[in-house]
Amino acid sequence: MNQEQEIREEVEKRKRRAHEVGIVKSVFRLFHERLANFTPNTDYREYQLPDSVRNVAVTMSRKNGKSVEIFFEDRSYKFISEITAWPDPTSEGGETIRSKLRLRGDGKLLLELECSRTTPIFGREYIYGRDLRVDEVLAFVEGSWVQEINDFTGKIFYAEDMQKAKMREEQKQRELQEMKKRFGL
């Protein structure tokens, strides 16, 4: 095996590893379900972030991007989202919006994801769906930050996920009761 093949195989292993350790899902969810809503005027304390967060700084870019830096006691992580391709508004069918989501820590690139969202177009009006997805891992440097970000994301969404599960179960019980009533069971 030559050096090029070895490098390509190692890169593919590391891409798989990023998915296996859950960091792709954590970073994607944390940014798109929580941090993407932040603006420079956002009071981060309203978003139920863990107590370990000391500050959050948001920067909006003129080039279709946003960065959200989360400061802890002794470190910070910067999430950077940049739209890299917009759809053609004159197109008859759906178009794809492409973006990159980067995570930096200690001035180093830790993770980079290529994301996309297909946007159906009805007439001249855009209908934005919730079908944003990760297409590819473009960079991943494993380290202790992986567990930190996974734990941080888990703390943020644990209560929310438990509440959703409880609501689904309650809805299921109501539906079963209604079926029993309608069919004399």
N, C-alpha and C. Protein backbone atom coordinates (compact mmCIF):
# COMPACT_ATOMS: atom_id res chain seq x y z
N MET A 1 0.85 -1.18 0.00
CA MET A 1 0.00 0.00 0.00
C MET A 1 0.90 1.24 0.00
N ASN A 2 0.55 2.20 -0.85
CA ASN A 2 1.38 3.41 -0.90
C ASN A 2 0.90 4.44 0.12
N GLN A 3 1.66 5.49 0.27
CA GLN A 3 1.38 6.52 1.28
C GLN A 3 0.04 7.18 1.05
N GLU A 4 -0.31 7.47 -0.20
CA GLU A 4 -1.60 8.11 -0.50
C GLU A 4 -2.76 7.24 -0.03
N GLN A 5 -2.71 5.96 -0.31
CA GLN A 5 -3.77 5.05 0.11
C GLN A 5 -3.87 4.99 1.63
N GLU A 6 -2.73 4.95 2.30
CA GLU A 6 -2.72 4.91 3.76
C GLU A 6 -3.38 6.16 4.34
N ILE A 7 -3.04 7.30 3.79
CA ILE A 7 -3.61 8.56 4.28
C ILE A 7 -5.12 8.57 4.04
N ARG A 8 -5.54 8.20 2.84
CA ARG A 8 -6.98 8.19 2.53
C ARG A 8 -7.75 7.22 3.44
N GLU A 9 -7.19 6.07 3.71
CA GLU A 9 -7.84 5.12 4.60
C GLU A 9 -7.93 5.65 6.03
N GLU A 10 -6.87 6.29 6.49
CA GLU A 10 -6.88 6.87 7.84
C GLU A 10 -7.91 7.99 7.95
N VAL A 11 -8.01 8.81 6.92
CA VAL A 11 -9.01 9.88 6.90
C VAL A 11 -10.41 9.28 6.99
N GLU A 12 -10.69 8.26 6.23
CA GLU A 12 -12.01 7.61 6.26
C GLU A 12 -12.29 7.01 7.63
N LYS A 13 -11.28 6.42 8.27
CA LYS A 13 -11.44 5.89 9.63
C LYS A 13 -11.82 7.00 10.61
N ARG A 14 -11.15 8.13 10.46
CA ARG A 14 -11.41 9.24 11.39
C ARG A 14 -12.79 9.86 11.15
N LYS A 15 -13.23 9.89 9.92
CA LYS A 15 -14.59 10.35 9.63
C LYS A 15 -15.61 9.44 10.32
N ARG A 16 -15.40 8.13 10.19
CA ARG A 16 -16.30 7.17 10.85
C ARG A 16 -16.24 7.34 12.37
N ARG A 17 -15.03 7.54 12.87
CA ARG A 17 -14.84 7.70 14.32
C ARG A 17 -15.61 8.92 14.84
N ALA A 18 -15.62 10.00 14.08
CA ALA A 18 -16.36 11.20 14.49
C ALA A 18 -17.85 10.87 14.69
N HIS A 19 -18.39 10.05 13.82
CA HIS A 19 -19.80 9.63 13.97
C HIS A 19 -19.94 8.67 15.16
N GLU A 20 -19.02 7.72 15.28
CA GLU A 20 -19.09 6.72 16.34
C GLU A 20 -19.09 7.33 17.74
N VAL A 21 -18.27 8.35 17.96
CA VAL A 21 -18.19 8.96 19.29
C VAL A 21 -19.31 9.97 19.53
N GLY A 22 -20.16 10.19 18.54
CA GLY A 22 -21.33 11.04 18.71
C GLY A 22 -21.09 12.53 18.56
N ILE A 23 -19.88 12.93 18.22
CA ILE A 23 -19.59 14.37 18.19
C ILE A 23 -20.26 15.06 17.01
N VAL A 24 -20.44 14.37 15.91
CA VAL A 24 -21.11 14.97 14.75
C VAL A 24 -22.53 15.36 15.14
N LYS A 25 -23.24 14.42 15.74
CA LYS A 25 -24.62 14.67 16.16
C LYS A 25 -24.69 15.77 17.22
N SER A 26 -23.78 15.71 18.19
CA SER A 26 -23.80 16.70 19.28
C SER A 26 -23.56 18.12 18.76
N VAL A 27 -22.52 18.30 17.97
CA VAL A 27 -22.20 19.64 17.47
C VAL A 27 -23.31 20.15 16.56
N PHE A 28 -23.79 19.29 15.68
CA PHE A 28 -24.86 19.67 14.75
C PHE A 28 -26.12 20.08 15.52
N ARG A 29 -26.52 19.25 16.47
CA ARG A 29 -27.74 19.55 17.23
C ARG A 29 -27.57 20.80 18.10
N LEU A 30 -26.45 20.88 18.79
CA LEU A 30 -26.21 22.03 19.66
C LEU A 30 -26.28 23.33 18.86
N PHE A 31 -25.63 23.35 17.72
CA PHE A 31 -25.63 24.59 16.94
C PHE A 31 -27.01 24.87 16.36
N HIS A 32 -27.58 23.92 15.66
CA HIS A 32 -28.80 24.19 14.90
C HIS A 32 -30.07 24.25 15.75
N GLU A 33 -30.09 23.58 16.90
CA GLU A 33 -31.29 23.64 17.73
C GLU A 33 -31.19 24.67 18.85
N ARG A 34 -30.00 25.19 19.12
CA ARG A 34 -29.86 26.13 20.21
C ARG A 34 -29.06 27.37 19.80
N LEU A 35 -27.83 27.20 19.42
CA LEU A 35 -26.94 28.34 19.21
C LEU A 35 -27.28 29.17 17.97
N ALA A 36 -27.84 28.55 16.95
CA ALA A 36 -28.18 29.28 15.71
C ALA A 36 -29.20 30.38 15.99
N ASN A 37 -29.96 30.26 17.07
CA ASN A 37 -30.96 31.26 17.41
C ASN A 37 -30.36 32.50 18.07
N PHE A 38 -29.14 32.41 18.51
CA PHE A 38 -28.50 33.52 19.21
C PHE A 38 -28.17 34.66 18.25
N THR A 39 -28.32 35.87 18.74
CA THR A 39 -27.91 37.07 18.03
C THR A 39 -26.94 37.82 18.94
N PRO A 40 -26.29 38.87 18.44
CA PRO A 40 -25.39 39.63 19.33
C PRO A 40 -26.10 40.20 20.56
N ASN A 41 -27.42 40.35 20.51
CA ASN A 41 -28.17 40.93 21.63
C ASN A 41 -28.80 39.87 22.54
N THR A 42 -28.59 38.62 22.26
CA THR A 42 -29.20 37.54 23.02
C THR A 42 -28.62 37.45 24.43
N ASP A 43 -29.49 37.32 25.41
CA ASP A 43 -29.05 37.03 26.77
C ASP A 43 -29.00 35.51 26.89
N TYR A 44 -27.81 34.97 26.85
CA TYR A 44 -27.65 33.51 26.82
C TYR A 44 -28.27 32.82 28.03
N ARG A 45 -28.44 33.54 29.14
CA ARG A 45 -29.00 32.92 30.34
C ARG A 45 -30.45 32.49 30.15
N GLU A 46 -31.13 33.06 29.16
CA GLU A 46 -32.51 32.67 28.88
C GLU A 46 -32.60 31.32 28.18
N TYR A 47 -31.48 30.77 27.74
CA TYR A 47 -31.48 29.53 26.97
C TYR A 47 -31.10 28.30 27.77
N GLN A 48 -31.16 28.37 29.07
CA GLN A 48 -30.93 27.23 29.95
C GLN A 48 -29.64 26.47 29.62
N LEU A 49 -28.56 27.21 29.54
CA LEU A 49 -27.25 26.59 29.35
C LEU A 49 -26.71 26.17 30.71
N PRO A 50 -25.85 25.17 30.76
CA PRO A 50 -25.29 24.74 32.05
C PRO A 50 -24.54 25.88 32.77
N ASP A 51 -24.45 25.76 34.07
CA ASP A 51 -23.81 26.79 34.90
C ASP A 51 -22.35 27.00 34.57
N SER A 52 -21.72 26.03 33.93
CA SER A 52 -20.30 26.15 33.59
C SER A 52 -20.03 27.22 32.53
N VAL A 53 -21.08 27.67 31.84
CA VAL A 53 -20.92 28.72 30.82
C VAL A 53 -20.75 30.06 31.51
N ARG A 54 -19.68 30.78 31.17
CA ARG A 54 -19.40 32.10 31.74
C ARG A 54 -19.90 33.23 30.85
N ASN A 55 -19.88 33.01 29.54
CA ASN A 55 -20.32 34.04 28.61
C ASN A 55 -20.51 33.40 27.24
N VAL A 56 -21.27 34.10 26.40
CA VAL A 56 -21.46 33.69 25.01
C VAL A 56 -21.31 34.94 24.15
N ALA A 57 -20.50 34.86 23.11
CA ALA A 57 -20.30 35.99 22.20
C ALA A 57 -20.75 35.56 20.80
N VAL A 58 -21.57 36.40 20.18
CA VAL A 58 -22.10 36.10 18.85
C VAL A 58 -21.61 37.17 17.88
N THR A 59 -21.15 36.71 16.73
CA THR A 59 -20.71 37.61 15.67
C THR A 59 -21.45 37.23 14.40
N MET A 60 -22.09 38.21 13.79
CA MET A 60 -22.77 37.99 12.52
C MET A 60 -21.82 38.45 11.41
N SER A 61 -21.76 37.66 10.34
CA SER A 61 -20.87 37.98 9.25
C SER A 61 -21.65 38.52 8.07
N ARG A 62 -21.05 39.44 7.34
CA ARG A 62 -21.69 39.94 6.13
C ARG A 62 -21.67 38.89 5.04
N LYS A 63 -20.86 37.88 5.21
CA LYS A 63 -20.72 36.83 4.20
C LYS A 63 -21.59 35.61 4.56
N ASN A 64 -22.82 35.84 4.99
CA ASN A 64 -23.76 34.75 5.25
C ASN A 64 -23.31 33.80 6.34
N GLY A 65 -22.76 34.33 7.38
CA GLY A 65 -22.29 33.45 8.44
C GLY A 65 -22.55 34.00 9.82
N LYS A 66 -22.23 33.15 10.78
CA LYS A 66 -22.40 33.51 12.17
C LYS A 66 -21.40 32.70 12.97
N SER A 67 -20.86 33.31 14.01
CA SER A 67 -20.05 32.54 14.94
C SER A 67 -20.60 32.75 16.34
N VAL A 68 -20.59 31.68 17.10
CA VAL A 68 -21.05 31.70 18.49
C VAL A 68 -19.93 31.09 19.31
N GLU A 69 -19.35 31.91 20.19
CA GLU A 69 -18.27 31.41 21.04
C GLU A 69 -18.80 31.26 22.45
N ILE A 70 -18.60 30.07 22.99
CA ILE A 70 -19.04 29.76 24.35
C ILE A 70 -17.80 29.76 25.24
N PHE A 71 -17.84 30.59 26.27
CA PHE A 71 -16.72 30.72 27.20
C PHE A 71 -17.01 29.97 28.49
N PHE A 72 -16.05 29.14 28.87
CA PHE A 72 -16.10 28.45 30.15
C PHE A 72 -15.04 29.09 31.04
N GLU A 73 -14.80 28.52 32.20
CA GLU A 73 -13.82 29.08 33.14
C GLU A 73 -12.44 29.23 32.52
N ASP A 74 -11.94 28.17 31.88
CA ASP A 74 -10.56 28.20 31.40
C ASP A 74 -10.40 27.91 29.90
N ARG A 75 -11.49 27.88 29.16
CA ARG A 75 -11.41 27.58 27.73
C ARG A 75 -12.66 28.12 27.02
N SER A 76 -12.60 28.10 25.71
CA SER A 76 -13.77 28.48 24.94
C SER A 76 -13.83 27.62 23.69
N TYR A 77 -15.03 27.50 23.15
CA TYR A 77 -15.26 26.79 21.90
C TYR A 77 -16.04 27.73 20.99
N LYS A 78 -15.61 27.79 19.75
CA LYS A 78 -16.24 28.69 18.79
C LYS A 78 -16.89 27.86 17.68
N PHE A 79 -18.19 28.05 17.53
CA PHE A 79 -18.97 27.40 16.48
C PHE A 79 -19.13 28.43 15.36
N ILE A 80 -18.74 28.04 14.16
CA ILE A 80 -18.79 28.97 13.02
C ILE A 80 -19.62 28.32 11.92
N SER A 81 -20.67 29.01 11.51
CA SER A 81 -21.52 28.51 10.44
C SER A 81 -21.44 29.49 9.28
N GLU A 82 -21.27 28.95 8.09
CA GLU A 82 -21.17 29.80 6.91
C GLU A 82 -21.92 29.15 5.76
N ILE A 83 -22.85 29.89 5.17
CA ILE A 83 -23.55 29.38 4.00
C ILE A 83 -22.61 29.53 2.81
N THR A 84 -22.41 28.42 2.11
CA THR A 84 -21.43 28.42 1.02
C THR A 84 -22.09 28.43 -0.35
N ALA A 85 -23.38 28.09 -0.45
CA ALA A 85 -24.07 28.12 -1.74
C ALA A 85 -25.56 28.33 -1.52
N TRP A 86 -26.10 29.35 -2.16
CA TRP A 86 -27.53 29.67 -2.10
C TRP A 86 -28.24 29.08 -3.32
N PRO A 87 -29.54 28.80 -3.21
CA PRO A 87 -30.28 28.30 -4.36
C PRO A 87 -30.56 29.42 -5.37
N ASP A 88 -30.84 29.03 -6.59
CA ASP A 88 -31.22 29.95 -7.66
C ASP A 88 -32.71 30.27 -7.50
N PRO A 89 -33.09 31.52 -7.22
CA PRO A 89 -34.50 31.84 -6.98
C PRO A 89 -35.38 31.70 -8.22
N THR A 90 -34.79 31.56 -9.39
CA THR A 90 -35.60 31.41 -10.61
C THR A 90 -35.85 29.95 -10.96
N SER A 91 -35.31 29.03 -10.17
CA SER A 91 -35.44 27.60 -10.46
C SER A 91 -36.89 27.14 -10.28
N GLU A 92 -37.29 26.19 -11.10
CA GLU A 92 -38.64 25.63 -11.01
C GLU A 92 -38.75 24.57 -9.91
N GLY A 93 -37.68 23.86 -9.63
CA GLY A 93 -37.71 22.78 -8.64
C GLY A 93 -36.99 23.15 -7.37
N GLY A 94 -36.75 22.15 -6.55
CA GLY A 94 -36.04 22.40 -5.30
C GLY A 94 -34.57 22.71 -5.54
N GLU A 95 -34.02 23.49 -4.68
CA GLU A 95 -32.61 23.85 -4.73
C GLU A 95 -31.98 23.46 -3.40
N THR A 96 -30.68 23.44 -3.37
CA THR A 96 -29.97 23.05 -2.17
C THR A 96 -29.14 24.21 -1.63
N ILE A 97 -29.30 24.45 -0.33
CA ILE A 97 -28.47 25.42 0.37
C ILE A 97 -27.36 24.62 1.03
N ARG A 98 -26.13 25.02 0.82
CA ARG A 98 -24.98 24.32 1.41
C ARG A 98 -24.32 25.22 2.44
N SER A 99 -23.84 24.58 3.49
CA SER A 99 -23.15 25.35 4.52
C SER A 99 -22.06 24.50 5.16
N LYS A 100 -21.19 25.19 5.85
CA LYS A 100 -20.15 24.51 6.63
C LYS A 100 -20.32 24.93 8.08
N LEU A 101 -20.15 23.97 8.95
CA LEU A 101 -20.19 24.21 10.39
C LEU A 101 -18.84 23.77 10.94
N ARG A 102 -18.14 24.73 11.56
CA ARG A 102 -16.81 24.46 12.11
C ARG A 102 -16.85 24.64 13.62
N LEU A 103 -16.05 23.84 14.29
CA LEU A 103 -15.85 23.99 15.73
C LEU A 103 -14.37 24.19 15.96
N ARG A 104 -14.05 25.30 16.65
CA ARG A 104 -12.65 25.61 16.96
C ARG A 104 -12.49 25.68 18.47
N GLY A 105 -11.33 25.25 18.93
CA GLY A 105 -10.98 25.34 20.34
C GLY A 105 -9.49 25.59 20.45
N ASP A 106 -9.11 26.48 21.34
CA ASP A 106 -7.69 26.84 21.49
C ASP A 106 -7.07 27.27 20.17
N GLY A 107 -7.87 27.94 19.33
CA GLY A 107 -7.37 28.44 18.06
C GLY A 107 -7.19 27.38 16.99
N LYS A 108 -7.60 26.14 17.27
CA LYS A 108 -7.40 25.04 16.33
C LYS A 108 -8.75 24.54 15.81
N LEU A 109 -8.76 24.11 14.57
CA LEU A 109 -9.95 23.49 13.99
C LEU A 109 -10.08 22.09 14.57
N LEU A 110 -11.20 21.82 15.24
CA LEU A 110 -11.44 20.52 15.85
C LEU A 110 -12.36 19.65 15.01
N LEU A 111 -13.35 20.29 14.40
CA LEU A 111 -14.35 19.56 13.62
C LEU A 111 -14.89 20.49 12.54
N GLU A 112 -15.09 19.95 11.34
CA GLU A 112 -15.73 20.71 10.28
C GLU A 112 -16.70 19.79 9.58
N LEU A 113 -17.93 20.27 9.41
CA LEU A 113 -18.99 19.49 8.79
C LEU A 113 -19.51 20.23 7.56
N GLU A 114 -19.78 19.48 6.51
CA GLU A 114 -20.46 20.06 5.36
C GLU A 114 -21.93 19.66 5.48
N CYS A 115 -22.80 20.64 5.44
CA CYS A 115 -24.22 20.42 5.64
C CYS A 115 -25.00 20.92 4.42
N SER A 116 -26.23 20.45 4.29
CA SER A 116 -27.08 20.95 3.21
C SER A 116 -28.54 20.84 3.61
N ARG A 117 -29.34 21.59 2.90
CA ARG A 117 -30.79 21.56 3.09
C ARG A 117 -31.42 21.76 1.72
N THR A 118 -32.28 20.83 1.33
CA THR A 118 -33.01 20.98 0.08
C THR A 118 -34.22 21.85 0.36
N THR A 119 -34.38 22.85 -0.48
CA THR A 119 -35.44 23.83 -0.29
C THR A 119 -36.45 23.71 -1.42
N PRO A 120 -37.63 23.14 -1.15
CA PRO A 120 -38.65 23.10 -2.21
C PRO A 120 -39.12 24.51 -2.52
N ILE A 121 -39.40 24.76 -3.75
CA ILE A 121 -39.87 26.08 -4.16
C ILE A 121 -41.26 25.93 -4.75
N PHE A 122 -42.22 26.65 -4.21
CA PHE A 122 -43.58 26.66 -4.72
C PHE A 122 -43.86 28.06 -5.22
N GLY A 123 -44.00 28.19 -6.53
CA GLY A 123 -44.14 29.52 -7.12
C GLY A 123 -42.84 30.26 -6.90
N ARG A 124 -42.91 31.44 -6.36
CA ARG A 124 -41.71 32.23 -6.12
C ARG A 124 -41.37 32.29 -4.63
N GLU A 125 -42.14 31.56 -3.83
CA GLU A 125 -41.94 31.60 -2.38
C GLU A 125 -41.12 30.40 -1.92
N TYR A 126 -40.12 30.65 -1.10
CA TYR A 126 -39.31 29.57 -0.55
C TYR A 126 -40.02 28.99 0.66
N ILE A 127 -40.04 27.69 0.74
CA ILE A 127 -40.56 27.00 1.91
C ILE A 127 -39.37 26.29 2.54
N TYR A 128 -38.92 26.76 3.70
CA TYR A 128 -37.75 26.18 4.34
C TYR A 128 -38.19 25.02 5.23
N GLY A 129 -37.70 23.84 4.93
CA GLY A 129 -38.01 22.66 5.71
C GLY A 129 -37.02 22.47 6.83
N ARG A 130 -37.24 21.45 7.61
CA ARG A 130 -36.34 21.13 8.71
C ARG A 130 -35.45 19.95 8.31
N ASP A 131 -35.14 19.87 7.03
CA ASP A 131 -34.39 18.73 6.55
C ASP A 131 -32.90 19.01 6.42
N LEU A 132 -32.38 19.89 7.24
CA LEU A 132 -30.95 20.16 7.26
C LEU A 132 -30.23 18.89 7.71
N ARG A 133 -29.14 18.57 7.05
CA ARG A 133 -28.44 17.33 7.35
C ARG A 133 -26.93 17.51 7.19
N VAL A 134 -26.19 16.60 7.81
CA VAL A 134 -24.74 16.56 7.65
C VAL A 134 -24.45 15.67 6.45
N ASP A 135 -23.71 16.20 5.49
CA ASP A 135 -23.34 15.43 4.31
C ASP A 135 -21.98 14.77 4.47
N GLU A 136 -21.06 15.47 5.12
CA GLU A 136 -19.70 14.92 5.21
C GLU A 136 -18.93 15.56 6.36
N VAL A 137 -18.06 14.76 6.94
CA VAL A 137 -17.10 15.27 7.92
C VAL A 137 -15.87 15.69 7.13
N LEU A 138 -15.52 16.98 7.21
CA LEU A 138 -14.38 17.50 6.45
C LEU A 138 -13.11 17.57 7.29
N ALA A 139 -13.26 17.58 8.61
CA ALA A 139 -12.11 17.61 9.51
C ALA A 139 -12.54 17.08 10.87
N PHE A 140 -11.64 16.37 11.54
CA PHE A 140 -11.91 15.87 12.89
C PHE A 140 -10.59 15.55 13.56
N VAL A 141 -10.32 16.21 14.66
CA VAL A 141 -9.13 15.95 15.47
C VAL A 141 -9.64 15.54 16.85
N GLU A 142 -9.53 14.26 17.14
CA GLU A 142 -10.07 13.74 18.40
C GLU A 142 -9.24 14.22 19.58
N GLY A 143 -9.93 14.45 20.69
CA GLY A 143 -9.27 14.87 21.92
C GLY A 143 -10.27 14.90 23.05
N SER A 144 -9.85 15.41 24.21
CA SER A 144 -10.73 15.47 25.38
C SER A 144 -11.93 16.37 25.16
N TRP A 145 -11.83 17.28 24.20
CA TRP A 145 -12.94 18.18 23.88
C TRP A 145 -14.19 17.40 23.44
N VAL A 146 -14.01 16.23 22.85
CA VAL A 146 -15.15 15.45 22.36
C VAL A 146 -16.10 15.12 23.51
N GLN A 147 -15.55 14.59 24.60
CA GLN A 147 -16.38 14.25 25.75
C GLN A 147 -16.98 15.50 26.38
N GLU A 148 -16.21 16.58 26.44
CA GLU A 148 -16.73 17.85 26.99
C GLU A 148 -17.95 18.34 26.21
N ILE A 149 -17.84 18.35 24.89
CA ILE A 149 -18.95 18.85 24.07
C ILE A 149 -20.13 17.88 24.13
N ASN A 150 -19.87 16.57 24.10
CA ASN A 150 -20.96 15.60 24.22
C ASN A 150 -21.68 15.74 25.55
N ASP A 151 -20.93 15.90 26.66
CA ASP A 151 -21.54 16.08 27.98
C ASP A 151 -22.32 17.38 28.04
N PHE A 152 -21.75 18.44 27.51
CA PHE A 152 -22.39 19.76 27.50
C PHE A 152 -23.72 19.69 26.73
N THR A 153 -23.69 19.08 25.56
CA THR A 153 -24.90 18.94 24.75
C THR A 153 -25.93 18.09 25.48
N GLY A 154 -25.47 17.01 26.10
CA GLY A 154 -26.37 16.15 26.85
C GLY A 154 -27.07 16.88 27.98
N LYS A 155 -26.32 17.73 28.70
CA LYS A 155 -26.92 18.50 29.80
C LYS A 155 -27.99 19.45 29.28
N ILE A 156 -27.75 20.04 28.14
CA ILE A 156 -28.71 21.00 27.58
C ILE A 156 -29.99 20.31 27.16
N PHE A 157 -29.88 19.18 26.51
CA PHE A 157 -31.05 18.57 25.90
C PHE A 157 -31.69 17.46 26.73
N TYR A 158 -31.06 17.03 27.81
CA TYR A 158 -31.60 15.92 28.60
C TYR A 158 -33.02 16.21 29.09
N ALA A 159 -33.19 17.31 29.78
CA ALA A 159 -34.52 17.64 30.33
C ALA A 159 -35.54 17.82 29.21
N GLU A 160 -35.11 18.47 28.14
CA GLU A 160 -36.00 18.68 26.99
C GLU A 160 -36.42 17.35 26.37
N ASP A 161 -35.48 16.44 26.19
CA ASP A 161 -35.77 15.13 25.61
C ASP A 161 -36.68 14.32 26.52
N MET A 162 -36.45 14.40 27.83
CA MET A 162 -37.30 13.68 28.78
C MET A 162 -38.73 14.22 28.74
N GLN A 163 -38.88 15.54 28.64
CA GLN A 163 -40.20 16.15 28.57
C GLN A 163 -40.92 15.72 27.29
N LYS A 164 -40.20 15.69 26.18
CA LYS A 164 -40.81 15.25 24.91
C LYS A 164 -41.24 13.79 25.00
N ALA A 165 -40.41 12.94 25.59
CA ALA A 165 -40.75 11.53 25.74
C ALA A 165 -41.99 11.36 26.61
N LYS A 166 -42.07 12.15 27.67
CA LYS A 166 -43.23 12.09 28.56
C LYS A 166 -44.49 12.53 27.81
N MET A 167 -44.38 13.57 27.03
CA MET A 167 -45.53 14.06 26.27
C MET A 167 -45.97 13.03 25.22
N ARG A 168 -45.00 12.36 24.57
CA ARG A 168 -45.35 11.32 23.59
C ARG A 168 -46.08 10.16 24.27
N GLU A 169 -45.60 9.77 25.44
CA GLU A 169 -46.24 8.68 26.17
C GLU A 169 -47.65 9.06 26.60
N GLU A 170 -47.83 10.28 27.09
CA GLU A 170 -49.15 10.75 27.50
C GLU A 170 -50.10 10.79 26.30
N GLN A 171 -49.61 11.24 25.15
CA GLN A 171 -50.43 11.28 23.94
C GLN A 171 -50.83 9.87 23.51
N LYS A 172 -49.89 8.94 23.61
CA LYS A 172 -50.17 7.55 23.26
C LYS A 172 -51.25 6.98 24.17
N GLN A 173 -51.17 7.27 25.46
CA GLN A 173 -52.18 6.77 26.41
C GLN A 173 -53.55 7.37 26.12
N ARG A 174 -53.59 8.66 25.78
CA ARG A 174 -54.87 9.30 25.41
C ARG A 174 -55.47 8.65 24.17
N GLU A 175 -54.61 8.36 23.18
CA GLU A 175 -55.09 7.72 21.95
C GLU A 175 -55.63 6.32 22.24
N LEU A 176 -54.93 5.56 23.09
CA LEU A 176 -55.41 4.23 23.45
C LEU A 176 -56.75 4.29 24.17
N GLN A 177 -56.89 5.24 25.10
CA GLN A 177 -58.15 5.41 25.81
C GLN A 177 -59.28 5.76 24.85
N GLU A 178 -58.99 6.62 23.89
CA GLU A 178 -59.99 7.02 22.89
C GLU A 178 -60.37 5.83 22.01
N MET A 179 -59.41 4.99 21.62
CA MET A 179 -59.71 3.81 20.81
C MET A 179 -60.56 2.83 21.60
N LYS A 180 -60.23 2.64 22.87
CA LYS A 180 -61.01 1.73 23.72
C LYS A 180 -62.45 2.23 23.83
N LYS A 181 -62.60 3.51 23.98
CA LYS A 181 -63.93 4.11 24.12
C LYS A 181 -64.72 3.95 22.81
N ARG A 182 -64.11 4.22 21.69
CA ARG A 182 -64.79 4.17 20.39
C ARG A 182 -65.16 2.74 19.98
N PHE A 183 -64.38 1.77 20.43
CA PHE A 183 -64.63 0.39 20.02
C PHE A 183 -65.16 -0.49 21.15
N GLY A 184 -65.55 0.14 22.26
CA GLY A 184 -66.16 -0.59 23.37
C GLY A 184 -65.25 -1.62 24.00
N LEU A 185 -64.00 -1.31 24.09
CA LEU A 185 -63.04 -2.25 24.68
C LEU A 185 -62.83 -1.98 26.15
